[in-house]
Amino acid sequence: MNIKKRCSKVGCNELIPTSKTYCKKHTNHNYKRYEKIRTSTEEGRTYKRFYDTKEWKSLRYQGFLRDGFCCVKCGREAEIADHIIPTKVRWDLRLDINNVQSLCFECHNKKTNEDKNRYSI
């Protein structure tokens, strides 16, 4: 039997395999546009290089393990390791495990908007 679940995007009722998180409609739909914006400046390239490092990937995995691969805000499956204090505010905390939390896409987007207002970034 092929077990299915609903897409994790709020309000979407599309059935998908249990190994996936989002349906095709809600998976990486803005990824190429976001990557172009993210790497078009020197600051963007610096961040891209950081997020590609072995140190970050290891710390990210440690954060997921610590949080049980669950979003610390809502308890759904975590997909993003988020810096509690953004790296644009405190670059020195980028590899501090106490500054990393596991979030789902929805909670990460809410937090990013809050950070933009709080830190004016």
Protein backbone atom coordinates (compact mmCIF):
# COMPACT_ATOMS: atom_id res chain seq x y z
CA MET A 1 0.00 0.00 0.00
CA ASN A 2 1.28 3.48 -0.90
CA ILE A 3 0.75 5.74 2.13
CA LYS A 4 0.19 9.44 1.42
CA LYS A 5 -0.01 12.60 3.49
CA ARG A 6 -1.09 16.20 2.87
CA CYS A 7 1.30 18.87 1.65
CA SER A 8 2.70 20.88 4.59
CA LYS A 9 1.78 24.20 2.98
CA VAL A 10 -1.06 25.67 5.01
CA GLY A 11 -4.35 25.31 3.17
CA CYS A 12 -3.05 22.85 0.56
CA ASN A 13 -4.79 19.47 0.48
CA GLU A 14 -2.62 17.86 -2.20
CA LEU A 15 -1.70 14.27 -1.29
CA ILE A 16 2.01 13.48 -1.53
CA PRO A 17 4.32 10.57 -0.55
CA THR A 18 5.30 10.50 3.12
CA SER A 19 8.94 11.02 2.12
CA LYS A 20 8.11 14.52 0.81
CA THR A 21 7.14 17.67 2.69
CA TYR A 22 5.51 19.76 -0.02
CA CYS A 23 3.71 19.09 -3.28
CA LYS A 24 5.27 20.13 -6.61
CA LYS A 25 3.39 23.42 -6.52
CA HIS A 26 4.93 24.43 -3.17
CA THR A 27 8.48 23.06 -3.58
CA ASN A 28 11.26 25.51 -4.48
CA HIS A 29 9.03 27.62 -6.70
CA ASN A 30 11.17 30.72 -6.13
CA TYR A 31 14.53 28.98 -5.73
CA LYS A 32 16.18 30.14 -8.99
CA ARG A 33 15.03 33.74 -8.55
CA TYR A 34 16.17 33.75 -4.92
CA GLU A 35 19.60 32.31 -5.81
CA LYS A 36 20.13 35.00 -8.45
CA ILE A 37 19.34 37.75 -5.94
CA ARG A 38 21.35 36.08 -3.19
CA THR A 39 24.57 35.77 -5.22
CA SER A 40 24.46 39.05 -7.17
CA THR A 41 26.48 41.02 -4.56
CA GLU A 42 29.75 40.41 -2.74
CA GLU A 43 27.85 40.13 0.55
CA GLY A 44 25.55 37.55 -1.06
CA ARG A 45 28.49 35.53 -2.31
CA THR A 46 30.06 35.61 1.19
CA TYR A 47 26.88 34.19 2.69
CA LYS A 48 26.61 31.55 -0.04
CA ARG A 49 30.20 30.44 0.62
CA PHE A 50 29.48 30.22 4.35
CA TYR A 51 26.35 28.09 3.92
CA ASP A 52 28.30 25.73 1.66
CA THR A 53 31.03 25.05 4.27
CA LYS A 54 31.51 21.75 6.03
CA GLU A 55 31.42 23.57 9.40
CA TRP A 56 27.95 25.00 8.76
CA LYS A 57 26.56 21.73 7.42
CA SER A 58 27.85 19.89 10.48
CA LEU A 59 26.44 22.50 12.89
CA ARG A 60 23.12 22.45 11.04
CA TYR A 61 22.89 18.68 11.43
CA GLN A 62 23.79 18.92 15.14
CA GLY A 63 20.97 21.43 15.60
CA PHE A 64 18.50 19.12 13.85
CA LEU A 65 19.62 16.21 16.05
CA ARG A 66 19.30 18.31 19.22
CA ASP A 67 15.77 19.41 18.25
CA GLY A 68 14.70 15.93 17.09
CA PHE A 69 14.27 17.09 13.46
CA CYS A 70 11.14 18.97 14.62
CA CYS A 71 10.29 22.64 14.33
CA VAL A 72 10.85 24.26 17.73
CA LYS A 73 7.86 26.58 17.16
CA CYS A 74 5.08 24.27 15.92
CA GLY A 75 6.44 20.70 16.13
CA ARG A 76 6.18 19.86 12.42
CA GLU A 77 9.10 18.39 10.48
CA ALA A 78 12.01 20.86 10.51
CA GLU A 79 13.51 21.77 7.15
CA ILE A 80 15.63 24.81 7.95
CA ALA A 81 18.36 25.40 10.50
CA ASP A 82 17.81 29.04 11.41
CA HIS A 83 20.10 31.51 13.17
CA ILE A 84 18.16 32.91 16.14
CA ILE A 85 20.14 36.15 15.90
CA PRO A 86 20.64 36.60 12.14
CA THR A 87 24.15 36.42 10.73
CA LYS A 88 23.66 39.89 9.25
CA VAL A 89 23.32 41.19 12.82
CA ARG A 90 25.93 39.02 14.62
CA TRP A 91 28.32 37.34 12.15
CA ASP A 92 30.45 36.13 15.10
CA LEU A 93 27.58 33.84 16.26
CA ARG A 94 27.24 32.05 12.89
CA LEU A 95 28.84 28.83 14.20
CA ASP A 96 27.41 28.93 17.75
CA ILE A 97 25.09 25.94 18.34
CA ASN A 98 23.12 28.02 20.87
CA ASN A 99 22.25 30.45 18.07
CA VAL A 100 20.74 27.75 15.82
CA GLN A 101 17.18 26.43 15.90
CA SER A 102 15.25 24.00 13.71
CA LEU A 103 12.22 25.45 11.91
CA CYS A 104 9.69 24.41 9.28
CA PHE A 105 9.34 26.66 6.21
CA GLU A 106 6.25 28.44 7.51
CA CYS A 107 7.72 29.30 10.93
CA HIS A 108 11.02 30.31 9.28
CA ASN A 109 9.21 32.72 6.95
CA LYS A 110 7.33 34.28 9.90
CA LYS A 111 10.57 34.64 11.87
CA THR A 112 12.38 36.17 8.89
CA ASN A 113 9.67 38.83 8.58
CA GLU A 114 9.89 39.52 12.33
CA ASP A 115 13.69 39.82 12.05
CA LYS A 116 13.37 42.28 9.17
CA ASN A 117 11.18 44.49 11.35
CA ARG A 118 13.22 44.02 14.54
CA TYR A 119 16.70 44.49 13.06
CA SER A 120 15.85 46.61 9.99
CA ILE A 121 17.62 44.20 7.65
